Amino acid sequence: DISAGRSTFAAGVEGVAQGIAARLALIRGEFFWDRNAGFPLYENDYVAPRTVIMGQAFNEAKLRSAFLMAVLSTPAVVAVPKLEIAWSARTRKATVTYVARTLFGDTPPTTVEI
């Protein structure tokens, strides 16, 4: 955050939580520096059909694997003690709730909708 000309940086659990959110928001193939970085949400030149999350029948194991890979690859994350996935066939959306264990403590439960 930049306010009044001063930068404010997050640290500790809050900083790690922001890093996780950034990793989940980055779609694989969109970062020019590393096309393999990011979440395999859509099929493109950098995401094979076997690993893509959207555009195919819901596969909880595939979504769980992609989430774990994204969260565990965040610096200072050591484990994911809670990862719950709920699929709604009516809305065709998955809701993922997770807690990440970091070097600074556990993040608060966070819910992401896909």
N, C-alpha and C. Protein backbone atom coordinates (compact mmCIF):
# COMPACT_ATOMS: atom_id res chain seq x y z
N ASP A 1 0.85 -1.18 0.00
CA ASP A 1 0.00 0.00 0.00
C ASP A 1 0.89 1.23 0.00
N ILE A 2 0.53 2.18 -0.81
CA ILE A 2 1.26 3.44 -0.83
C ILE A 2 0.28 4.54 -0.45
N SER A 3 0.52 5.17 0.68
CA SER A 3 -0.34 6.27 1.11
C SER A 3 0.53 7.39 1.64
N ALA A 4 0.21 8.59 1.26
CA ALA A 4 0.96 9.77 1.68
C ALA A 4 2.44 9.66 1.28
N GLY A 5 2.71 8.97 0.16
CA GLY A 5 4.07 8.86 -0.32
C GLY A 5 4.92 7.85 0.41
N ARG A 6 4.33 7.06 1.29
CA ARG A 6 5.09 6.06 2.04
C ARG A 6 4.57 4.67 1.70
N SER A 7 5.49 3.75 1.56
CA SER A 7 5.12 2.37 1.29
C SER A 7 4.84 1.65 2.60
N THR A 8 3.83 0.81 2.58
CA THR A 8 3.51 -0.03 3.72
C THR A 8 3.55 -1.48 3.25
N PHE A 9 4.36 -2.29 3.87
CA PHE A 9 4.53 -3.67 3.46
C PHE A 9 3.96 -4.62 4.50
N ALA A 10 3.36 -5.70 4.03
CA ALA A 10 2.85 -6.72 4.94
C ALA A 10 3.99 -7.69 5.27
N ALA A 11 3.97 -8.19 6.47
CA ALA A 11 5.00 -9.14 6.90
C ALA A 11 4.34 -10.25 7.69
N GLY A 12 5.10 -11.27 7.99
CA GLY A 12 4.59 -12.36 8.80
C GLY A 12 3.46 -13.11 8.10
N VAL A 13 2.48 -13.55 8.88
CA VAL A 13 1.37 -14.34 8.34
C VAL A 13 0.61 -13.55 7.28
N GLU A 14 0.41 -12.26 7.51
CA GLU A 14 -0.32 -11.44 6.54
C GLU A 14 0.42 -11.36 5.20
N GLY A 15 1.71 -11.23 5.25
CA GLY A 15 2.50 -11.18 4.03
C GLY A 15 2.46 -12.49 3.26
N VAL A 16 2.53 -13.61 3.98
CA VAL A 16 2.46 -14.92 3.34
C VAL A 16 1.07 -15.11 2.73
N ALA A 17 0.02 -14.70 3.45
CA ALA A 17 -1.34 -14.82 2.93
C ALA A 17 -1.50 -14.03 1.63
N GLN A 18 -0.88 -12.85 1.56
CA GLN A 18 -0.92 -12.08 0.32
C GLN A 18 -0.17 -12.79 -0.80
N GLY A 19 0.93 -13.43 -0.47
CA GLY A 19 1.68 -14.19 -1.46
C GLY A 19 0.87 -15.36 -2.01
N ILE A 20 0.14 -16.04 -1.13
CA ILE A 20 -0.72 -17.14 -1.57
C ILE A 20 -1.80 -16.62 -2.50
N ALA A 21 -2.43 -15.51 -2.12
CA ALA A 21 -3.50 -14.93 -2.94
C ALA A 21 -2.96 -14.55 -4.32
N ALA A 22 -1.75 -14.02 -4.37
CA ALA A 22 -1.15 -13.64 -5.64
C ALA A 22 -0.89 -14.86 -6.51
N ARG A 23 -0.43 -15.95 -5.89
CA ARG A 23 -0.18 -17.17 -6.66
C ARG A 23 -1.46 -17.77 -7.21
N LEU A 24 -2.53 -17.70 -6.45
CA LEU A 24 -3.81 -18.24 -6.91
C LEU A 24 -4.45 -17.36 -7.98
N ALA A 25 -4.14 -16.07 -7.96
CA ALA A 25 -4.73 -15.15 -8.94
C ALA A 25 -3.99 -15.17 -10.28
N LEU A 26 -2.73 -15.60 -10.27
CA LEU A 26 -1.94 -15.63 -11.50
C LEU A 26 -2.33 -16.86 -12.32
N ILE A 27 -2.79 -16.63 -13.53
CA ILE A 27 -3.18 -17.74 -14.41
C ILE A 27 -1.94 -18.18 -15.18
N ARG A 28 -1.71 -19.48 -15.19
CA ARG A 28 -0.52 -20.02 -15.85
C ARG A 28 -0.50 -19.59 -17.32
N GLY A 29 0.65 -19.08 -17.72
CA GLY A 29 0.85 -18.65 -19.09
C GLY A 29 0.76 -17.15 -19.29
N GLU A 30 0.27 -16.40 -18.28
CA GLU A 30 0.10 -14.96 -18.48
C GLU A 30 1.30 -14.12 -18.02
N PHE A 31 2.21 -14.69 -17.25
CA PHE A 31 3.38 -13.94 -16.80
C PHE A 31 4.51 -14.16 -17.79
N PHE A 32 4.94 -13.10 -18.49
CA PHE A 32 5.90 -13.23 -19.58
C PHE A 32 7.25 -13.77 -19.13
N TRP A 33 7.63 -13.52 -17.88
CA TRP A 33 8.94 -13.92 -17.41
C TRP A 33 9.02 -15.43 -17.17
N ASP A 34 7.92 -16.01 -16.71
CA ASP A 34 7.87 -17.45 -16.45
C ASP A 34 6.48 -17.96 -16.82
N ARG A 35 6.33 -18.48 -18.02
CA ARG A 35 5.02 -18.92 -18.51
C ARG A 35 4.48 -20.14 -17.75
N ASN A 36 5.35 -20.84 -17.00
CA ASN A 36 4.89 -22.00 -16.24
C ASN A 36 4.43 -21.65 -14.83
N ALA A 37 4.61 -20.39 -14.44
CA ALA A 37 4.15 -19.95 -13.12
C ALA A 37 2.65 -19.71 -13.19
N GLY A 38 1.98 -19.96 -12.09
CA GLY A 38 0.56 -19.64 -12.01
C GLY A 38 -0.32 -20.87 -11.86
N PHE A 39 -1.60 -20.59 -11.74
CA PHE A 39 -2.63 -21.59 -11.50
C PHE A 39 -3.16 -22.09 -12.84
N PRO A 40 -3.26 -23.40 -13.06
CA PRO A 40 -3.68 -23.93 -14.37
C PRO A 40 -5.20 -23.86 -14.57
N LEU A 41 -5.73 -22.65 -14.61
CA LEU A 41 -7.18 -22.48 -14.66
C LEU A 41 -7.75 -22.78 -16.04
N TYR A 42 -7.15 -22.20 -17.08
CA TYR A 42 -7.66 -22.36 -18.44
C TYR A 42 -6.62 -23.06 -19.31
N GLU A 43 -7.12 -23.79 -20.31
CA GLU A 43 -6.22 -24.43 -21.26
C GLU A 43 -5.63 -23.36 -22.18
N ASN A 44 -4.33 -23.39 -22.34
CA ASN A 44 -3.64 -22.51 -23.27
C ASN A 44 -2.35 -23.20 -23.70
N ASP A 45 -1.46 -22.48 -24.34
CA ASP A 45 -0.22 -23.10 -24.83
C ASP A 45 0.66 -23.64 -23.71
N TYR A 46 0.41 -23.19 -22.46
CA TYR A 46 1.27 -23.57 -21.34
C TYR A 46 0.58 -24.50 -20.34
N VAL A 47 -0.70 -24.81 -20.59
CA VAL A 47 -1.46 -25.68 -19.70
C VAL A 47 -2.01 -26.83 -20.53
N ALA A 48 -1.58 -28.02 -20.22
CA ALA A 48 -2.03 -29.21 -20.94
C ALA A 48 -3.47 -29.55 -20.54
N PRO A 49 -4.24 -30.14 -21.44
CA PRO A 49 -5.63 -30.49 -21.12
C PRO A 49 -5.76 -31.39 -19.88
N ARG A 50 -4.77 -32.20 -19.61
CA ARG A 50 -4.88 -33.12 -18.46
C ARG A 50 -4.74 -32.40 -17.12
N THR A 51 -4.21 -31.15 -17.11
CA THR A 51 -4.03 -30.44 -15.85
C THR A 51 -4.96 -29.24 -15.69
N VAL A 52 -5.69 -28.86 -16.74
CA VAL A 52 -6.54 -27.68 -16.67
C VAL A 52 -7.72 -27.90 -15.71
N ILE A 53 -8.13 -26.84 -15.03
CA ILE A 53 -9.20 -26.92 -14.04
C ILE A 53 -10.56 -26.66 -14.68
N MET A 54 -10.68 -25.62 -15.49
CA MET A 54 -11.97 -25.25 -16.08
C MET A 54 -12.08 -25.75 -17.51
N GLY A 55 -13.32 -25.89 -17.98
CA GLY A 55 -13.56 -26.31 -19.35
C GLY A 55 -13.70 -27.81 -19.48
N GLN A 56 -13.69 -28.52 -18.38
CA GLN A 56 -13.84 -29.98 -18.38
C GLN A 56 -14.76 -30.36 -17.23
N ALA A 57 -15.11 -31.62 -17.17
CA ALA A 57 -15.92 -32.10 -16.03
C ALA A 57 -15.15 -31.85 -14.74
N PHE A 58 -15.89 -31.52 -13.67
CA PHE A 58 -15.24 -31.24 -12.38
C PHE A 58 -14.46 -32.46 -11.90
N ASN A 59 -13.23 -32.21 -11.47
CA ASN A 59 -12.36 -33.27 -10.97
C ASN A 59 -11.74 -32.76 -9.68
N GLU A 60 -12.24 -33.22 -8.54
CA GLU A 60 -11.76 -32.72 -7.25
C GLU A 60 -10.28 -33.01 -7.03
N ALA A 61 -9.81 -34.17 -7.45
CA ALA A 61 -8.41 -34.51 -7.25
C ALA A 61 -7.50 -33.55 -8.02
N LYS A 62 -7.89 -33.18 -9.23
CA LYS A 62 -7.10 -32.25 -10.03
C LYS A 62 -7.07 -30.86 -9.39
N LEU A 63 -8.22 -30.40 -8.90
CA LEU A 63 -8.29 -29.10 -8.25
C LEU A 63 -7.49 -29.10 -6.95
N ARG A 64 -7.62 -30.17 -6.17
CA ARG A 64 -6.87 -30.29 -4.91
C ARG A 64 -5.36 -30.26 -5.18
N SER A 65 -4.92 -30.98 -6.17
CA SER A 65 -3.50 -31.03 -6.51
C SER A 65 -2.99 -29.65 -6.94
N ALA A 66 -3.75 -28.95 -7.78
CA ALA A 66 -3.34 -27.62 -8.24
C ALA A 66 -3.28 -26.62 -7.09
N PHE A 67 -4.27 -26.68 -6.19
CA PHE A 67 -4.27 -25.78 -5.04
C PHE A 67 -3.09 -26.05 -4.12
N LEU A 68 -2.85 -27.32 -3.81
CA LEU A 68 -1.73 -27.66 -2.94
C LEU A 68 -0.41 -27.22 -3.55
N MET A 69 -0.25 -27.41 -4.85
CA MET A 69 0.99 -27.01 -5.50
C MET A 69 1.18 -25.50 -5.42
N ALA A 70 0.12 -24.74 -5.65
CA ALA A 70 0.22 -23.28 -5.61
C ALA A 70 0.51 -22.78 -4.20
N VAL A 71 -0.20 -23.31 -3.22
CA VAL A 71 -0.03 -22.83 -1.84
C VAL A 71 1.32 -23.26 -1.28
N LEU A 72 1.69 -24.52 -1.48
CA LEU A 72 2.94 -25.02 -0.92
C LEU A 72 4.18 -24.44 -1.59
N SER A 73 4.03 -23.89 -2.80
CA SER A 73 5.18 -23.28 -3.47
C SER A 73 5.39 -21.83 -3.05
N THR A 74 4.52 -21.32 -2.19
CA THR A 74 4.66 -19.95 -1.68
C THR A 74 5.75 -19.94 -0.60
N PRO A 75 6.69 -19.00 -0.68
CA PRO A 75 7.73 -18.94 0.35
C PRO A 75 7.15 -18.82 1.75
N ALA A 76 7.72 -19.54 2.70
CA ALA A 76 7.37 -19.57 4.12
C ALA A 76 6.18 -20.46 4.44
N VAL A 77 5.56 -21.10 3.44
CA VAL A 77 4.48 -22.05 3.71
C VAL A 77 5.10 -23.42 3.92
N VAL A 78 4.73 -24.07 5.03
CA VAL A 78 5.31 -25.38 5.33
C VAL A 78 4.31 -26.52 5.24
N ALA A 79 3.00 -26.21 5.31
CA ALA A 79 1.97 -27.25 5.24
C ALA A 79 0.62 -26.61 4.97
N VAL A 80 -0.33 -27.46 4.58
CA VAL A 80 -1.72 -27.04 4.41
C VAL A 80 -2.56 -28.00 5.25
N PRO A 81 -2.80 -27.65 6.53
CA PRO A 81 -3.53 -28.55 7.41
C PRO A 81 -5.02 -28.66 7.09
N LYS A 82 -5.56 -27.69 6.37
CA LYS A 82 -6.99 -27.73 6.04
C LYS A 82 -7.17 -27.34 4.58
N LEU A 83 -7.85 -28.20 3.82
CA LEU A 83 -8.19 -27.91 2.44
C LEU A 83 -9.51 -28.61 2.16
N GLU A 84 -10.58 -27.82 2.11
CA GLU A 84 -11.91 -28.35 1.86
C GLU A 84 -12.42 -27.82 0.53
N ILE A 85 -12.98 -28.71 -0.28
CA ILE A 85 -13.51 -28.34 -1.59
C ILE A 85 -14.98 -28.73 -1.64
N ALA A 86 -15.82 -27.77 -2.02
CA ALA A 86 -17.26 -28.02 -2.19
C ALA A 86 -17.64 -27.65 -3.61
N TRP A 87 -18.29 -28.56 -4.33
CA TRP A 87 -18.69 -28.35 -5.71
C TRP A 87 -20.20 -28.20 -5.78
N SER A 88 -20.66 -27.18 -6.48
CA SER A 88 -22.09 -26.99 -6.71
C SER A 88 -22.38 -27.23 -8.18
N ALA A 89 -23.08 -28.31 -8.48
CA ALA A 89 -23.42 -28.60 -9.87
C ALA A 89 -24.42 -27.57 -10.41
N ARG A 90 -25.24 -27.01 -9.53
CA ARG A 90 -26.24 -26.03 -9.95
C ARG A 90 -25.57 -24.75 -10.45
N THR A 91 -24.60 -24.23 -9.71
CA THR A 91 -23.92 -23.00 -10.11
C THR A 91 -22.64 -23.27 -10.91
N ARG A 92 -22.21 -24.52 -10.94
CA ARG A 92 -20.97 -24.94 -11.61
C ARG A 92 -19.76 -24.18 -11.07
N LYS A 93 -19.74 -24.01 -9.75
CA LYS A 93 -18.62 -23.34 -9.08
C LYS A 93 -18.10 -24.22 -7.95
N ALA A 94 -16.81 -24.13 -7.75
CA ALA A 94 -16.18 -24.82 -6.63
C ALA A 94 -15.78 -23.78 -5.59
N THR A 95 -16.00 -24.11 -4.34
CA THR A 95 -15.59 -23.26 -3.23
C THR A 95 -14.49 -24.00 -2.47
N VAL A 96 -13.35 -23.35 -2.35
CA VAL A 96 -12.20 -23.96 -1.68
C VAL A 96 -11.89 -23.15 -0.43
N THR A 97 -11.84 -23.83 0.70
CA THR A 97 -11.46 -23.20 1.97
C THR A 97 -10.17 -23.86 2.43
N TYR A 98 -9.20 -23.02 2.78
CA TYR A 98 -7.91 -23.58 3.18
C TYR A 98 -7.31 -22.79 4.33
N VAL A 99 -6.41 -23.45 5.05
CA VAL A 99 -5.56 -22.84 6.07
C VAL A 99 -4.14 -23.27 5.73
N ALA A 100 -3.24 -22.30 5.67
CA ALA A 100 -1.84 -22.61 5.39
C ALA A 100 -1.02 -22.43 6.67
N ARG A 101 -0.18 -23.39 6.96
CA ARG A 101 0.74 -23.28 8.08
C ARG A 101 2.03 -22.65 7.56
N THR A 102 2.44 -21.55 8.17
CA THR A 102 3.62 -20.84 7.73
C THR A 102 4.68 -20.84 8.83
N LEU A 103 5.81 -20.30 8.52
CA LEU A 103 6.87 -20.17 9.52
C LEU A 103 6.46 -19.22 10.64
N PHE A 104 5.42 -18.40 10.40
CA PHE A 104 4.98 -17.40 11.36
C PHE A 104 3.68 -17.76 12.08
N GLY A 105 3.11 -18.92 11.75
CA GLY A 105 1.83 -19.33 12.32
C GLY A 105 0.86 -19.68 11.20
N ASP A 106 -0.36 -19.99 11.57
CA ASP A 106 -1.37 -20.39 10.58
C ASP A 106 -2.10 -19.16 10.04
N THR A 107 -2.42 -19.22 8.74
CA THR A 107 -3.24 -18.16 8.16
C THR A 107 -4.68 -18.37 8.62
N PRO A 108 -5.48 -17.33 8.62
CA PRO A 108 -6.89 -17.52 8.95
C PRO A 108 -7.54 -18.34 7.83
N PRO A 109 -8.64 -19.05 8.11
CA PRO A 109 -9.33 -19.77 7.04
C PRO A 109 -9.70 -18.82 5.90
N THR A 110 -9.34 -19.21 4.71
CA THR A 110 -9.57 -18.38 3.53
C THR A 110 -10.41 -19.16 2.54
N THR A 111 -11.41 -18.51 1.96
CA THR A 111 -12.28 -19.16 0.99
C THR A 111 -12.11 -18.50 -0.37
N VAL A 112 -11.95 -19.34 -1.39
CA VAL A 112 -11.79 -18.89 -2.76
C VAL A 112 -12.86 -19.60 -3.59
N GLU A 113 -13.52 -18.85 -4.47
CA GLU A 113 -14.54 -19.45 -5.33
C GLU A 113 -14.03 -19.48 -6.77
N ILE A 114 -14.18 -20.62 -7.39
CA ILE A 114 -13.72 -20.80 -8.78
C ILE A 114 -14.93 -21.14 -9.62
